[in-house]
Amino acid sequence: MSISVSAISTAPPPTMDQRVHLATQNQGQSQSQQEPRPPVSMDTVIAELSDVSAAFSKRLSFQLNEKLDQVVVKVIDTETDTVIRELPPEELQNVHERIREVMGILFDERA
């Protein structure tokens, strides 16, 4: 498998509130004929997703990875209480943390 990187951004990733705000802005632009909707609270979205997941005998767990300022979603089987899937996967979260550490070390050495 080959991965190519065209550019690396040193800017910190947007916070969850910024992502929600950007998503609502983009929806408003794509639906320019309709009136823009007010921003939706995360609690409302989480409640709706939990209701939908209950219909499939699955439970969604939302957690904030504070090191990455990123939401982690776990799909859990309600009958066995086992994690079916984690998004993003734990391995990817670990890689992301290590990349941030290395970038921090590189920039600290240059300063």
Protein backbone atom coordinates (compact mmCIF):
# COMPACT_ATOMS: atom_id res chain seq x y z
CA MET A 1 0.00 0.00 0.00
CA SER A 2 1.33 3.40 -0.95
CA ILE A 3 0.55 6.69 0.76
CA SER A 4 1.53 10.04 -0.64
CA VAL A 5 1.47 13.27 1.32
CA SER A 6 1.28 16.50 -0.63
CA ALA A 7 1.43 18.89 2.29
CA ILE A 8 1.72 18.80 6.07
CA SER A 9 -0.11 21.38 8.10
CA THR A 10 1.41 22.45 11.40
CA ALA A 11 -1.79 24.20 12.46
CA PRO A 12 -3.66 22.48 15.29
CA PRO A 13 -6.78 20.61 14.21
CA PRO A 14 -10.09 22.41 14.69
CA THR A 15 -11.96 21.81 17.93
CA MET A 16 -15.25 19.93 17.95
CA ASP A 17 -17.25 23.17 18.21
CA GLN A 18 -15.40 24.58 15.20
CA ARG A 19 -16.10 21.39 13.21
CA VAL A 20 -19.82 21.56 14.03
CA HIS A 21 -19.90 25.23 13.08
CA LEU A 22 -18.11 24.56 9.77
CA ALA A 23 -20.42 21.66 8.99
CA THR A 24 -23.51 23.77 9.56
CA GLN A 25 -22.03 26.55 7.40
CA ASN A 26 -21.32 24.10 4.56
CA GLN A 27 -24.84 22.70 4.76
CA GLY A 28 -26.25 26.21 4.53
CA GLN A 29 -24.17 26.96 1.44
CA SER A 30 -25.23 23.76 -0.34
CA GLN A 31 -28.87 24.52 0.45
CA SER A 32 -28.74 28.16 -0.64
CA GLN A 33 -32.40 28.16 -1.68
CA GLN A 34 -33.51 27.29 1.86
CA GLU A 35 -33.13 29.50 4.90
CA PRO A 36 -29.98 28.71 6.88
CA ARG A 37 -30.62 26.57 9.93
CA PRO A 38 -29.28 27.47 13.37
CA PRO A 39 -26.32 25.43 14.65
CA VAL A 40 -27.29 22.08 16.16
CA SER A 41 -26.06 21.20 19.63
CA MET A 42 -23.92 18.09 20.04
CA ASP A 43 -26.27 16.80 22.74
CA THR A 44 -29.16 16.82 20.25
CA VAL A 45 -27.16 14.96 17.61
CA ILE A 46 -25.92 12.39 20.14
CA ALA A 47 -29.46 11.78 21.42
CA GLU A 48 -30.77 11.25 17.88
CA LEU A 49 -27.93 8.85 17.02
CA SER A 50 -28.53 6.90 20.21
CA ASP A 51 -32.21 6.51 19.32
CA VAL A 52 -31.34 5.23 15.85
CA SER A 53 -28.68 2.84 17.13
CA ALA A 54 -31.11 1.34 19.67
CA ALA A 55 -33.26 0.14 16.77
CA PHE A 56 -30.35 -2.02 15.55
CA SER A 57 -29.49 -3.58 18.96
CA LYS A 58 -26.37 -1.48 19.03
CA ARG A 59 -25.26 1.30 21.35
CA LEU A 60 -23.07 4.24 20.41
CA SER A 61 -20.56 5.57 22.90
CA PHE A 62 -19.07 9.02 22.29
CA GLN A 63 -15.86 9.99 24.06
CA LEU A 64 -13.46 12.87 23.64
CA ASN A 65 -9.79 11.99 23.21
CA GLU A 66 -8.39 15.03 25.01
CA LYS A 67 -4.85 14.53 23.71
CA LEU A 68 -6.10 14.80 20.12
CA ASP A 69 -9.18 16.97 20.75
CA GLN A 70 -11.07 14.39 18.70
CA VAL A 71 -14.32 12.52 19.22
CA VAL A 72 -14.05 8.73 19.42
CA VAL A 73 -17.17 6.71 18.60
CA LYS A 74 -17.57 3.12 19.77
CA VAL A 75 -20.26 0.84 18.36
CA ILE A 76 -21.23 -1.59 21.11
CA ASP A 77 -23.42 -4.70 20.87
CA THR A 78 -26.10 -4.27 23.54
CA GLU A 79 -26.57 -8.03 24.03
CA THR A 80 -22.94 -8.93 24.70
CA ASP A 81 -21.69 -5.45 25.70
CA THR A 82 -18.63 -5.86 23.46
CA VAL A 83 -17.12 -3.16 21.26
CA ILE A 84 -17.80 -3.97 17.61
CA ARG A 85 -15.98 -1.03 16.09
CA GLU A 86 -14.10 2.05 17.26
CA LEU A 87 -13.82 5.12 15.03
CA PRO A 88 -11.10 6.18 14.57
CA PRO A 89 -9.41 2.90 15.50
CA GLU A 90 -7.25 2.94 18.63
CA GLU A 91 -4.12 2.17 16.58
CA LEU A 92 -4.74 5.22 14.41
CA GLN A 93 -5.22 7.38 17.49
CA ASN A 94 -1.89 6.14 18.86
CA VAL A 95 -0.14 6.90 15.56
CA HIS A 96 -1.68 10.39 15.51
CA GLU A 97 -0.43 11.04 19.06
CA ARG A 98 3.10 9.87 18.16
CA ILE A 99 3.18 12.08 15.05
CA ARG A 100 2.20 15.08 17.17
CA GLU A 101 4.95 14.22 19.67
CA VAL A 102 7.59 13.94 16.94
CA MET A 103 6.48 17.20 15.33
CA GLY A 104 6.66 18.88 18.72
CA ILE A 105 10.19 17.58 19.27
CA LEU A 106 11.28 18.76 15.80
CA PHE A 107 9.91 22.24 16.32
CA ASP A 108 11.34 22.48 19.86
CA GLU A 109 14.82 21.64 18.52
CA ARG A 110 14.57 24.31 15.82
CA ALA A 111 13.54 27.04 18.27
